[in-house]
Amino acid sequence: MINRRTFSTALLAGAAASLVSKRGMAATAQPAAMSAPVKARNIVLAHGLFADGSCWTEVIGRLQAAGFNATAVQNPLTTLPEAVASVQKVLDRQDGPTVLVGHSFSGMLVSETGVHPKVSALVYIAARAPDAGEDYTALAKTYPTPPASAGIVFDGDEGRLTEEAFLRDFAGDLPEAKARLLYAVQEPFHKALLTGKTTQAAWRSKPSWYAVSTEDRTINPDLERFMAKRMGAKTIELKSSHLSLISHPDEIAQLIIEAASGR
């Protein structure tokens, strides 16, 4: 069962307001104006850490069945500029209005590249949603540290999740056999990737949607709620691990279709 929480998507032109989280952290002012939703037939999907583009397979199949043109980005997980460029190239190839979707770390890529003129709407799936220039790590530290963080190990400059952390804290609601397959194709990330800061906050000017994972052990669910509320996203909550795009593909596909509908 999906519990919907609908938030305001815009403020009056020229207004400046501050939202304060329950921990007393002040958010910057909401955008003065937000573009109206536009109907789209193209969907671009970006993956986050510990994964590759194949993690979107279940969602892509549903989007294709509904008549959409869906493309998964292969995020190199090297540096933020290179990851941004990987999304930019795919957006450039689209033939019209496009919904940009990001899971986990790739919420940063959505925030940065979502200002692209072809992007009509943004969808965040248990994702980071920083403001322009914001230190996401500092923001995350204002909430309890999620268990998956303790499971990250490094081989030189490359980081990955241990198998135990992957199965328990990243893909906790997937069948074990499926989670082990995903662990086997996990793509290591470079330390440099985590040092980058976005220069854009596309959610300040584009209609946005957010799927919160209430059982998330990789990003704190309350942090997800805070970011969704701050951006004024239309928000759903799923009783899911961090990998709702795999454990709840029907709901995730429907959220994307809603964003593409122009309503």
C-alpha atoms as a PDB file:
ATOM      1  CA  MET A   1       0.000   0.000   0.000  1.00  0.00           C
ATOM      2  CA  ILE A   2       1.409   3.348  -0.987  1.00  0.00           C
ATOM      3  CA  ASN A   3       0.902   6.252   1.417  1.00  0.00           C
ATOM      4  CA  ARG A   4       0.917   9.472  -0.527  1.00  0.00           C
ATOM      5  CA  ARG A   5       2.099  12.778   0.854  1.00  0.00           C
ATOM      6  CA  THR A   6       1.553  15.707  -1.417  1.00  0.00           C
ATOM      7  CA  PHE A   7       3.627  18.849  -0.969  1.00  0.00           C
ATOM      8  CA  SER A   8       3.423  22.263  -2.540  1.00  0.00           C
ATOM      9  CA  THR A   9       5.297  22.421  -5.873  1.00  0.00           C
ATOM     10  CA  ALA A  10       5.671  26.164  -6.173  1.00  0.00           C
ATOM     11  CA  LEU A  11       5.546  29.460  -4.332  1.00  0.00           C
ATOM     12  CA  LEU A  12       4.251  32.809  -5.574  1.00  0.00           C
ATOM     13  CA  ALA A  13       6.658  34.597  -7.938  1.00  0.00           C
ATOM     14  CA  GLY A  14       9.233  36.589  -6.058  1.00  0.00           C
ATOM     15  CA  ALA A  15       8.425  34.994  -2.686  1.00  0.00           C
ATOM     16  CA  ALA A  16      11.256  33.865  -0.443  1.00  0.00           C
ATOM     17  CA  ALA A  17      10.646  31.386   2.332  1.00  0.00           C
ATOM     18  CA  SER A  18      12.614  29.059   4.529  1.00  0.00           C
ATOM     19  CA  LEU A  19      11.724  25.574   5.630  1.00  0.00           C
ATOM     20  CA  VAL A  20      13.306  24.264   8.782  1.00  0.00           C
ATOM     21  CA  SER A  21      13.729  20.540   9.465  1.00  0.00           C
ATOM     22  CA  LYS A  22      12.786  19.108  12.803  1.00  0.00           C
ATOM     23  CA  ARG A  23      16.466  19.202  13.705  1.00  0.00           C
ATOM     24  CA  GLY A  24      16.509  22.945  13.215  1.00  0.00           C
ATOM     25  CA  MET A  25      18.394  22.933   9.912  1.00  0.00           C
ATOM     26  CA  ALA A  26      17.207  25.800   7.722  1.00  0.00           C
ATOM     27  CA  ALA A  27      16.660  25.138   4.032  1.00  0.00           C
ATOM     28  CA  THR A  28      17.173  27.855   1.483  1.00  0.00           C
ATOM     29  CA  ALA A  29      14.239  29.632  -0.146  1.00  0.00           C
ATOM     30  CA  GLN A  30      11.976  27.823  -2.586  1.00  0.00           C
ATOM     31  CA  PRO A  31      12.119  28.835  -6.246  1.00  0.00           C
ATOM     32  CA  ALA A  32      10.167  31.886  -7.330  1.00  0.00           C
ATOM     33  CA  ALA A  33       8.613  30.035 -10.234  1.00  0.00           C
ATOM     34  CA  MET A  34       8.373  26.483 -11.486  1.00  0.00           C
ATOM     35  CA  SER A  35       7.749  25.317 -15.016  1.00  0.00           C
ATOM     36  CA  ALA A  36       4.436  23.650 -15.778  1.00  0.00           C
ATOM     37  CA  PRO A  37       4.511  19.864 -16.335  1.00  0.00           C
ATOM     38  CA  VAL A  38       4.939  18.786 -19.958  1.00  0.00           C
ATOM     39  CA  LYS A  39       3.887  15.443 -21.422  1.00  0.00           C
ATOM     40  CA  ALA A  40       6.897  13.266 -22.263  1.00  0.00           C
ATOM     41  CA  ARG A  41       7.497   9.965 -24.061  1.00  0.00           C
ATOM     42  CA  ASN A  42      11.202   9.623 -23.224  1.00  0.00           C
ATOM     43  CA  ILE A  43      12.557   8.358 -19.906  1.00  0.00           C
ATOM     44  CA  VAL A  44      16.238   8.509 -18.923  1.00  0.00           C
ATOM     45  CA  LEU A  45      17.248   6.524 -15.835  1.00  0.00           C
ATOM     46  CA  ALA A  46      20.510   6.937 -13.891  1.00  0.00           C
ATOM     47  CA  HIS A  47      21.831   4.444 -11.337  1.00  0.00           C
ATOM     48  CA  GLY A  48      23.761   5.081  -8.149  1.00  0.00           C
ATOM     49  CA  LEU A  49      26.540   3.386  -6.200  1.00  0.00           C
ATOM     50  CA  PHE A  50      26.980  -0.390  -5.981  1.00  0.00           C
ATOM     51  CA  ALA A  51      25.053  -0.943  -9.228  1.00  0.00           C
ATOM     52  CA  ASP A  52      25.017  -0.528 -12.998  1.00  0.00           C
ATOM     53  CA  GLY A  53      22.384   0.343 -15.592  1.00  0.00           C
ATOM     54  CA  SER A  54      20.889  -3.150 -15.481  1.00  0.00           C
ATOM     55  CA  CYS A  55      19.303  -2.377 -12.101  1.00  0.00           C
ATOM     56  CA  TRP A  56      16.544  -0.577 -14.042  1.00  0.00           C
ATOM     57  CA  THR A  57      15.559  -3.651 -16.084  1.00  0.00           C
ATOM     58  CA  GLU A  58      12.318  -4.372 -14.240  1.00  0.00           C
ATOM     59  CA  VAL A  59      11.176  -0.767 -14.477  1.00  0.00           C
ATOM     60  CA  ILE A  60      12.250  -0.398 -18.113  1.00  0.00           C
ATOM     61  CA  GLY A  61      10.192  -3.418 -19.155  1.00  0.00           C
ATOM     62  CA  ARG A  62       7.079  -1.845 -17.660  1.00  0.00           C
ATOM     63  CA  LEU A  63       7.788   1.537 -19.236  1.00  0.00           C
ATOM     64  CA  GLN A  64       8.324  -0.031 -22.659  1.00  0.00           C
ATOM     65  CA  ALA A  65       5.071  -1.973 -22.317  1.00  0.00           C
ATOM     66  CA  ALA A  66       3.351   1.362 -21.654  1.00  0.00           C
ATOM     67  CA  GLY A  67       4.798   2.826 -24.864  1.00  0.00           C
ATOM     68  CA  PHE A  68       7.702   4.852 -23.502  1.00  0.00           C
ATOM     69  CA  ASN A  69      11.209   5.140 -24.882  1.00  0.00           C
ATOM     70  CA  ALA A  70      13.441   4.293 -21.905  1.00  0.00           C
ATOM     71  CA  THR A  71      17.231   4.534 -21.709  1.00  0.00           C
ATOM     72  CA  ALA A  72      19.480   3.536 -18.794  1.00  0.00           C
ATOM     73  CA  VAL A  73      22.644   5.575 -18.306  1.00  0.00           C
ATOM     74  CA  GLN A  74      25.882   3.722 -17.537  1.00  0.00           C
ATOM     75  CA  ASN A  75      27.211   5.908 -14.741  1.00  0.00           C
ATOM     76  CA  PRO A  76      31.032   5.498 -14.623  1.00  0.00           C
ATOM     77  CA  LEU A  77      31.105   6.133 -10.852  1.00  0.00           C
ATOM     78  CA  THR A  78      34.477   7.868 -11.227  1.00  0.00           C
ATOM     79  CA  THR A  79      34.092  11.619 -10.642  1.00  0.00           C
ATOM     80  CA  LEU A  80      31.028  13.828 -10.444  1.00  0.00           C
ATOM     81  CA  PRO A  81      31.868  15.688 -13.695  1.00  0.00           C
ATOM     82  CA  GLU A  82      32.294  12.407 -15.579  1.00  0.00           C
ATOM     83  CA  ALA A  83      29.079  11.014 -14.121  1.00  0.00           C
ATOM     84  CA  VAL A  84      27.249  14.217 -15.073  1.00  0.00           C
ATOM     85  CA  ALA A  85      28.644  13.968 -18.604  1.00  0.00           C
ATOM     86  CA  SER A  86      27.311  10.416 -18.946  1.00  0.00           C
ATOM     87  CA  VAL A  87      23.786  11.668 -18.281  1.00  0.00           C
ATOM     88  CA  GLN A  88      24.214  14.764 -20.431  1.00  0.00           C
ATOM     89  CA  LYS A  89      25.150  12.677 -23.461  1.00  0.00           C
ATOM     90  CA  VAL A  90      22.046  10.513 -23.156  1.00  0.00           C
ATOM     91  CA  LEU A  91      19.802  13.550 -22.681  1.00  0.00           C
ATOM     92  CA  ASP A  92      21.280  15.157 -25.791  1.00  0.00           C
ATOM     93  CA  ARG A  93      20.176  12.126 -27.836  1.00  0.00           C
ATOM     94  CA  GLN A  94      16.524  12.316 -26.799  1.00  0.00           C
ATOM     95  CA  ASP A  95      14.054  13.491 -29.435  1.00  0.00           C
ATOM     96  CA  GLY A  96      11.738  15.510 -27.216  1.00  0.00           C
ATOM     97  CA  PRO A  97      10.513  16.062 -23.651  1.00  0.00           C
ATOM     98  CA  THR A  98      12.170  13.638 -21.250  1.00  0.00           C
ATOM     99  CA  VAL A  99      11.612  12.551 -17.659  1.00  0.00           C
ATOM    100  CA  LEU A 100      14.935  12.222 -15.817  1.00  0.00           C
ATOM    101  CA  VAL A 101      15.017   9.593 -13.066  1.00  0.00           C
ATOM    102  CA  GLY A 102      17.759   8.987 -10.516  1.00  0.00           C
ATOM    103  CA  HIS A 103      18.262   6.363  -7.831  1.00  0.00           C
ATOM    104  CA  SER A 104      20.397   6.865  -4.748  1.00  0.00           C
ATOM    105  CA  PHE A 105      23.616   8.802  -5.529  1.00  0.00           C
ATOM    106  CA  SER A 106      22.319   9.649  -9.009  1.00  0.00           C
ATOM    107  CA  GLY A 107      19.862  12.040  -7.449  1.00  0.00           C
ATOM    108  CA  MET A 108      22.861  14.379  -7.582  1.00  0.00           C
ATOM    109  CA  LEU A 109      23.049  13.844 -11.337  1.00  0.00           C
ATOM    110  CA  VAL A 110      19.332  14.579 -11.661  1.00  0.00           C
ATOM    111  CA  SER A 111      19.757  17.781  -9.685  1.00  0.00           C
ATOM    112  CA  GLU A 112      22.727  18.850 -11.825  1.00  0.00           C
ATOM    113  CA  THR A 113      21.607  17.821 -15.336  1.00  0.00           C
ATOM    114  CA  GLY A 114      17.880  18.265 -14.837  1.00  0.00           C
ATOM    115  CA  VAL A 115      18.190  21.858 -16.037  1.00  0.00           C
ATOM    116  CA  HIS A 116      18.717  20.437 -19.555  1.00  0.00           C
ATOM    117  CA  PRO A 117      16.072  21.972 -21.877  1.00  0.00           C
ATOM    118  CA  LYS A 118      14.732  18.533 -22.856  1.00  0.00           C
ATOM    119  CA  VAL A 119      14.005  17.536 -19.248  1.00  0.00           C
ATOM    120  CA  SER A 120      10.334  18.037 -18.444  1.00  0.00           C
ATOM    121  CA  ALA A 121      10.175  16.409 -14.994  1.00  0.00           C
ATOM    122  CA  LEU A 122      12.403  14.861 -12.342  1.00  0.00           C
ATOM    123  CA  VAL A 123      11.909  11.637 -10.394  1.00  0.00           C
ATOM    124  CA  TYR A 124      14.021  10.747  -7.361  1.00  0.00           C
ATOM    125  CA  ILE A 125      14.009   7.140  -6.110  1.00  0.00           C
ATOM    126  CA  ALA A 126      15.387   6.956  -2.540  1.00  0.00           C
ATOM    127  CA  ALA A 127      17.862   9.483  -3.864  1.00  0.00           C
ATOM    128  CA  ARG A 128      20.145  12.287  -2.828  1.00  0.00           C
ATOM    129  CA  ALA A 129      18.623  15.650  -3.673  1.00  0.00           C
ATOM    130  CA  PRO A 130      21.161  18.332  -2.792  1.00  0.00           C
ATOM    131  CA  ASP A 131      20.721  22.031  -3.245  1.00  0.00           C
ATOM    132  CA  ALA A 132      23.211  23.861  -5.458  1.00  0.00           C
ATOM    133  CA  GLY A 133      26.602  23.873  -3.738  1.00  0.00           C
ATOM    134  CA  GLU A 134      25.298  21.993  -0.727  1.00  0.00           C
ATOM    135  CA  ASP A 135      27.555  19.602   1.173  1.00  0.00           C
ATOM    136  CA  TYR A 136      25.417  16.461   1.033  1.00  0.00           C
ATOM    137  CA  THR A 137      27.678  14.587   3.448  1.00  0.00           C
ATOM    138  CA  ALA A 138      27.228  17.302   6.052  1.00  0.00           C
ATOM    139  CA  LEU A 139      23.458  17.232   5.534  1.00  0.00           C
ATOM    140  CA  ALA A 140      23.360  13.444   5.904  1.00  0.00           C
ATOM    141  CA  LYS A 141      25.300  13.652   9.177  1.00  0.00           C
ATOM    142  CA  THR A 142      22.414  15.549  10.779  1.00  0.00           C
ATOM    143  CA  TYR A 143      20.483  12.253  10.670  1.00  0.00           C
ATOM    144  CA  PRO A 144      21.394   8.870  12.186  1.00  0.00           C
ATOM    145  CA  THR A 145      23.988   7.042  10.079  1.00  0.00           C
ATOM    146  CA  PRO A 146      22.388   4.247   8.036  1.00  0.00           C
ATOM    147  CA  PRO A 147      23.796   0.738   8.615  1.00  0.00           C
ATOM    148  CA  ALA A 148      25.087   0.263   5.051  1.00  0.00           C
ATOM    149  CA  SER A 149      27.761   2.911   5.621  1.00  0.00           C
ATOM    150  CA  ALA A 150      29.652   0.525   7.909  1.00  0.00           C
ATOM    151  CA  GLY A 151      29.766  -2.055   5.118  1.00  0.00           C
ATOM    152  CA  ILE A 152      31.756   0.021   2.630  1.00  0.00           C
ATOM    153  CA  VAL A 153      35.297  -1.253   2.072  1.00  0.00           C
ATOM    154  CA  PHE A 154      38.039   0.206  -0.100  1.00  0.00           C
ATOM    155  CA  ASP A 155      40.641  -1.336  -2.357  1.00  0.00           C
ATOM    156  CA  GLY A 156      42.870   1.666  -2.892  1.00  0.00           C
ATOM    157  CA  ASP A 157      40.637   4.338  -4.403  1.00  0.00           C
ATOM    158  CA  GLU A 158      37.757   1.982  -5.211  1.00  0.00           C
ATOM    159  CA  GLY A 159      34.889   1.434  -2.792  1.00  0.00           C
ATOM    160  CA  ARG A 160      32.276  -1.304  -2.661  1.00  0.00           C
ATOM    161  CA  LEU A 161      29.863  -2.963  -0.253  1.00  0.00           C
ATOM    162  CA  THR A 162      30.733  -6.221   1.450  1.00  0.00           C
ATOM    163  CA  GLU A 163      28.462  -9.101   0.566  1.00  0.00           C
ATOM    164  CA  GLU A 164      26.914  -9.089   4.040  1.00  0.00           C
ATOM    165  CA  ALA A 165      26.094  -5.374   3.875  1.00  0.00           C
ATOM    166  CA  PHE A 166      24.833  -5.664   0.294  1.00  0.00           C
ATOM    167  CA  LEU A 167      22.396  -8.452   1.145  1.00  0.00           C
ATOM    168  CA  ARG A 168      21.259  -7.049   4.497  1.00  0.00           C
ATOM    169  CA  ASP A 169      21.451  -3.265   4.170  1.00  0.00           C
ATOM    170  CA  PHE A 170      21.240  -2.506   0.442  1.00  0.00           C
ATOM    171  CA  ALA A 171      18.942  -5.181  -0.967  1.00  0.00           C
ATOM    172  CA  GLY A 172      17.280  -6.365   2.224  1.00  0.00           C
ATOM    173  CA  ASP A 173      13.818  -7.056   0.803  1.00  0.00           C
ATOM    174  CA  LEU A 174      14.943  -8.962  -2.293  1.00  0.00           C
ATOM    175  CA  PRO A 175      15.084 -12.752  -2.520  1.00  0.00           C
ATOM    176  CA  GLU A 176      18.589 -13.811  -1.497  1.00  0.00           C
ATOM    177  CA  ALA A 177      19.340 -15.414  -4.864  1.00  0.00           C
ATOM    178  CA  LYS A 178      18.427 -12.179  -6.673  1.00  0.00           C
ATOM    179  CA  ALA A 179      20.432 -10.062  -4.240  1.00  0.00           C
ATOM    180  CA  ARG A 180      23.494 -12.284  -4.737  1.00  0.00           C
ATOM    181  CA  LEU A 181      23.260 -11.821  -8.494  1.00  0.00           C
ATOM    182  CA  LEU A 182      23.194  -8.051  -8.036  1.00  0.00           C
ATOM    183  CA  TYR A 183      26.134  -8.231  -5.636  1.00  0.00           C
ATOM    184  CA  ALA A 184      28.129 -10.142  -8.239  1.00  0.00           C
ATOM    185  CA  VAL A 185      27.772  -7.320 -10.799  1.00  0.00           C
ATOM    186  CA  GLN A 186      28.259  -4.472  -8.320  1.00  0.00           C
ATOM    187  CA  GLU A 187      30.325  -1.680  -9.881  1.00  0.00           C
ATOM    188  CA  PRO A 188      32.953  -0.180  -7.527  1.00  0.00           C
ATOM    189  CA  PHE A 189      32.961   3.600  -7.138  1.00  0.00           C
ATOM    190  CA  HIS A 190      35.956   5.919  -6.918  1.00  0.00           C
ATOM    191  CA  LYS A 191      36.577   7.963  -3.771  1.00  0.00           C
ATOM    192  CA  ALA A 192      36.741  11.125  -5.884  1.00  0.00           C
ATOM    193  CA  LEU A 193      33.078  10.705  -6.802  1.00  0.00           C
ATOM    194  CA  LEU A 194      31.995  11.497  -3.259  1.00  0.00           C
ATOM    195  CA  THR A 195      33.871  14.798  -3.068  1.00  0.00           C
ATOM    196  CA  GLY A 196      31.898  16.580  -5.787  1.00  0.00           C
ATOM    197  CA  LYS A 197      29.173  19.152  -5.186  1.00  0.00           C
ATOM    198  CA  THR A 198      26.386  20.030  -7.558  1.00  0.00           C
ATOM    199  CA  THR A 199      26.195  23.524  -9.031  1.00  0.00           C
ATOM    200  CA  GLN A 200      22.523  23.264  -9.994  1.00  0.00           C
ATOM    201  CA  ALA A 201      19.313  22.314  -8.187  1.00  0.00           C
ATOM    202  CA  ALA A 202      16.986  21.440 -11.063  1.00  0.00           C
ATOM    203  CA  TRP A 203      14.169  20.684  -8.633  1.00  0.00           C
ATOM    204  CA  ARG A 204      13.856  24.418  -8.032  1.00  0.00           C
ATOM    205  CA  SER A 205      12.523  24.907 -11.567  1.00  0.00           C
ATOM    206  CA  LYS A 206      11.251  21.496 -12.739  1.00  0.00           C
ATOM    207  CA  PRO A 207       8.246  19.494 -11.456  1.00  0.00           C
ATOM    208  CA  SER A 208       9.540  16.760  -9.169  1.00  0.00           C
ATOM    209  CA  TRP A 209       8.450  13.393  -7.772  1.00  0.00           C
ATOM    210  CA  TYR A 210      10.069  11.382  -4.966  1.00  0.00           C
ATOM    211  CA  ALA A 211       9.761   7.768  -3.767  1.00  0.00           C
ATOM    212  CA  VAL A 212      10.769   7.309  -0.127  1.00  0.00           C
ATOM    213  CA  SER A 213      11.884   3.831   0.984  1.00  0.00           C
ATOM    214  CA  THR A 214      10.622   3.479   4.545  1.00  0.00           C
ATOM    215  CA  GLU A 215      12.861   0.464   5.328  1.00  0.00           C
ATOM    216  CA  ASP A 216      15.965   2.017   3.778  1.00  0.00           C
ATOM    217  CA  ARG A 217      19.265   1.091   5.446  1.00  0.00           C
ATOM    218  CA  THR A 218      21.435   2.953   2.902  1.00  0.00           C
ATOM    219  CA  ILE A 219      19.937   6.468   3.093  1.00  0.00           C
ATOM    220  CA  ASN A 220      18.049   7.450   6.219  1.00  0.00           C
ATOM    221  CA  PRO A 221      14.298   7.494   5.388  1.00  0.00           C
ATOM    222  CA  ASP A 222      13.786  10.697   7.387  1.00  0.00           C
ATOM    223  CA  LEU A 223      16.511  12.373   5.323  1.00  0.00           C
ATOM    224  CA  GLU A 224      14.668  11.246   2.194  1.00  0.00           C
ATOM    225  CA  ARG A 225      11.455  12.768   3.563  1.00  0.00           C
ATOM    226  CA  PHE A 226      13.237  16.026   4.357  1.00  0.00           C
ATOM    227  CA  MET A 227      14.689  16.322   0.846  1.00  0.00           C
ATOM    228  CA  ALA A 228      11.359  15.454  -0.780  1.00  0.00           C
ATOM    229  CA  LYS A 229       9.521  18.036   1.304  1.00  0.00           C
ATOM    230  CA  ARG A 230      12.132  20.710   0.694  1.00  0.00           C
ATOM    231  CA  MET A 231      11.871  20.318  -3.071  1.00  0.00           C
ATOM    232  CA  GLY A 232       8.084  20.327  -2.994  1.00  0.00           C
ATOM    233  CA  ALA A 233       7.955  16.915  -4.663  1.00  0.00           C
ATOM    234  CA  LYS A 234       4.875  14.798  -5.074  1.00  0.00           C
ATOM    235  CA  THR A 235       5.900  12.006  -2.747  1.00  0.00           C
ATOM    236  CA  ILE A 236       5.026   8.351  -2.223  1.00  0.00           C
ATOM    237  CA  GLU A 237       6.273   6.044   0.499  1.00  0.00           C
ATOM    238  CA  LEU A 238       7.054   2.388  -0.133  1.00  0.00           C
ATOM    239  CA  LYS A 239       7.764  -0.246   2.508  1.00  0.00           C
ATOM    240  CA  SER A 240      10.985  -1.107   0.780  1.00  0.00           C
ATOM    241  CA  SER A 241      14.728  -1.452   1.055  1.00  0.00           C
ATOM    242  CA  HIS A 242      16.972   0.967  -0.815  1.00  0.00           C
ATOM    243  CA  LEU A 243      16.259  -1.016  -4.000  1.00  0.00           C
ATOM    244  CA  SER A 244      12.593  -0.159  -4.463  1.00  0.00           C
ATOM    245  CA  LEU A 245      13.190   0.017  -8.216  1.00  0.00           C
ATOM    246  CA  ILE A 246      13.699  -3.766  -8.085  1.00  0.00           C
ATOM    247  CA  SER A 247      11.433  -4.844  -5.222  1.00  0.00           C
ATOM    248  CA  HIS A 248       8.556  -2.505  -6.210  1.00  0.00           C
ATOM    249  CA  PRO A 249       8.906  -2.000  -9.984  1.00  0.00           C
ATOM    250  CA  ASP A 250       5.164  -1.553 -10.543  1.00  0.00           C
ATOM    251  CA  GLU A 251       4.934   1.381  -8.141  1.00  0.00           C
ATOM    252  CA  ILE A 252       8.164   2.964  -9.382  1.00  0.00           C
ATOM    253  CA  ALA A 253       7.113   2.638 -13.035  1.00  0.00           C
ATOM    254  CA  GLN A 254       3.727   4.158 -12.234  1.00  0.00           C
ATOM    255  CA  LEU A 255       5.353   7.115 -10.473  1.00  0.00           C
ATOM    256  CA  ILE A 256       7.516   7.744 -13.548  1.00  0.00           C
ATOM    257  CA  ILE A 257       4.505   7.441 -15.844  1.00  0.00           C
ATOM    258  CA  GLU A 258       2.692   9.991 -13.701  1.00  0.00           C
ATOM    259  CA  ALA A 259       5.624  12.388 -14.047  1.00  0.00           C
ATOM    260  CA  ALA A 260       5.565  11.836 -17.824  1.00  0.00           C
ATOM    261  CA  SER A 261       1.833  12.458 -18.105  1.00  0.00           C
ATOM    262  CA  GLY A 262       2.099  16.229 -17.875  1.00  0.00           C
ATOM    263  CA  ARG A 263      -0.525  16.369 -15.149  1.00  0.00           C
END
